Protein backbone atom coordinates (compact mmCIF):
# COMPACT_ATOMS: atom_id res chain seq x y z
CA UNK A 1 -13.21 -5.65 46.02
CA UNK A 2 -11.58 -8.12 48.17
CA UNK A 3 -12.72 -9.75 45.07
CA UNK A 4 -10.57 -7.47 42.69
CA UNK A 5 -7.89 -8.28 45.47
CA UNK A 6 -8.43 -11.99 45.23
CA UNK A 7 -7.75 -11.30 41.84
CA UNK A 8 -4.69 -9.18 42.16
CA UNK A 9 -2.61 -10.35 43.89
CA UNK A 10 -3.10 -14.33 42.98
CA UNK A 11 -3.52 -15.06 47.21
CA UNK A 12 -6.00 -16.12 49.32
CA UNK A 13 -8.12 -12.58 50.41
CA UNK A 14 -10.25 -12.69 53.70
CA UNK A 15 -12.54 -10.16 55.10
CA UNK A 16 -15.94 -9.26 56.67
CA UNK A 17 -18.74 -8.42 53.93
CA UNK A 18 -22.09 -8.77 53.92
CA UNK A 19 -22.83 -9.72 57.46
CA UNK A 20 -20.01 -12.81 57.08
CA UNK A 21 -16.84 -13.84 56.60
CA UNK A 22 -15.37 -14.70 52.77
CA UNK A 23 -13.00 -15.68 51.61
CA UNK A 24 -11.41 -16.02 48.04
CA UNK A 25 -9.84 -17.74 46.82
CA UNK A 26 -7.85 -17.81 43.22
CA UNK A 27 -8.02 -20.02 40.66
CA UNK A 28 -4.71 -19.93 39.52
CA UNK A 29 -3.71 -20.88 35.94
CA UNK A 30 0.25 -22.40 35.09
CA UNK A 31 2.10 -18.89 35.23
CA UNK A 32 -0.41 -18.15 38.74
CA UNK A 33 -2.29 -15.85 37.27
CA UNK A 34 -6.16 -15.83 38.42
CA UNK A 35 -8.49 -17.03 35.78
CA UNK A 36 -11.12 -17.71 38.62
CA UNK A 37 -12.20 -16.83 42.64
CA UNK A 38 -14.12 -19.24 44.64
CA UNK A 39 -15.96 -16.86 47.42
CA UNK A 40 -16.59 -18.80 50.49
CA UNK A 41 -18.75 -16.99 52.86
CA UNK A 42 -19.78 -17.55 56.60
CA UNK A 43 -21.98 -16.52 58.38
CA UNK A 44 -20.67 -14.15 60.80
CA UNK A 45 -19.92 -15.37 64.65
CA UNK A 46 -19.08 -19.17 63.31
CA UNK A 47 -15.10 -20.45 63.30
CA UNK A 48 -14.78 -23.20 61.24
CA UNK A 49 -12.48 -25.46 63.40
CA UNK A 50 -8.65 -26.23 62.70
CA UNK A 51 -9.99 -29.58 60.65
CA UNK A 52 -12.73 -27.51 58.48
CA UNK A 53 -10.42 -25.10 57.86
CA UNK A 54 -7.28 -27.84 56.69
CA UNK A 55 -10.34 -29.16 54.73
CA UNK A 56 -11.51 -26.14 52.58
CA UNK A 57 -8.41 -25.32 52.06
CA UNK A 58 -7.86 -29.38 50.03
CA UNK A 59 -11.20 -28.17 48.07
CA UNK A 60 -9.00 -26.08 46.76
CA UNK A 61 -6.55 -27.31 46.51
CA UNK A 62 -8.82 -30.46 44.22
CA UNK A 63 -10.45 -28.00 42.78
CA UNK A 64 -7.55 -26.19 41.42
CA UNK A 65 -5.64 -29.63 40.27
CA UNK A 66 -8.73 -30.27 38.59
CA UNK A 67 -9.14 -27.41 36.54
CA UNK A 68 -5.22 -27.79 35.68
CA UNK A 69 -5.68 -31.52 34.48
CA UNK A 70 -8.48 -30.08 32.32
CA UNK A 71 -6.03 -27.71 30.26
CA UNK A 72 -3.91 -30.38 29.82
CA UNK A 73 -6.77 -32.25 28.35
CA UNK A 74 -7.35 -29.46 26.30
CA UNK A 75 -4.13 -29.08 24.84
CA UNK A 76 -3.01 -32.56 23.76
CA UNK A 77 -6.69 -31.74 21.72
CA UNK A 78 -6.25 -29.32 20.52
CA UNK A 79 -2.56 -30.78 19.12
CA UNK A 80 -4.35 -34.96 18.29
CA UNK A 81 -7.07 -32.17 16.68
CA UNK A 82 -4.32 -30.64 14.54
CA UNK A 83 -1.77 -34.43 14.16
CA UNK A 84 -5.80 -35.59 12.21
CA UNK A 85 -5.64 -32.55 10.34
CA UNK A 86 -2.87 -33.38 8.80
CA UNK A 87 -3.02 -36.64 8.20
CA UNK A 88 -6.02 -35.99 6.85
CA UNK A 89 -4.83 -33.63 4.40
CA UNK A 90 -1.45 -35.66 3.42
CA UNK A 91 -3.90 -38.63 3.18
CA UNK A 92 -6.08 -36.65 0.83
CA UNK A 93 -2.90 -34.89 -1.12
CA UNK A 94 -1.38 -38.61 -1.63
CA UNK A 95 -5.97 -39.66 -2.93
CA UNK A 96 -5.41 -36.84 -5.73
CA UNK A 97 -1.69 -37.54 -6.81
CA UNK A 98 -2.64 -41.59 -6.75
CA UNK A 99 -5.91 -41.17 -8.69
CA UNK A 100 -4.37 -38.17 -10.97
CA UNK A 101 -1.34 -40.73 -11.55
CA UNK A 102 -3.71 -43.24 -13.14
CA UNK A 103 -5.79 -41.07 -15.46
CA UNK A 104 -2.74 -40.42 -16.85
CA UNK A 105 -1.25 -43.56 -17.07
């Protein structure tokens, strides 16, 4: 249930489940919707210190930043691919036209 809540709200969720404390961290897309969830479980009775908690939050932020960079890379590759494809078509068309012109001259 806590994972579902994390995805639905795109917010961090904490609960006790399966004998451990669980934190569910959403990985969000640019619109803020959760596209993945990281489920971090800590055994019951173990408490994270303030420094450890900050480190977990820093790692989750890094994960989110890496995901956004991958999205940007994917988008730029798609754009480059479509530009290369268009240039190839234009170049092929020019070569075909030049070939036809030579045969008719």
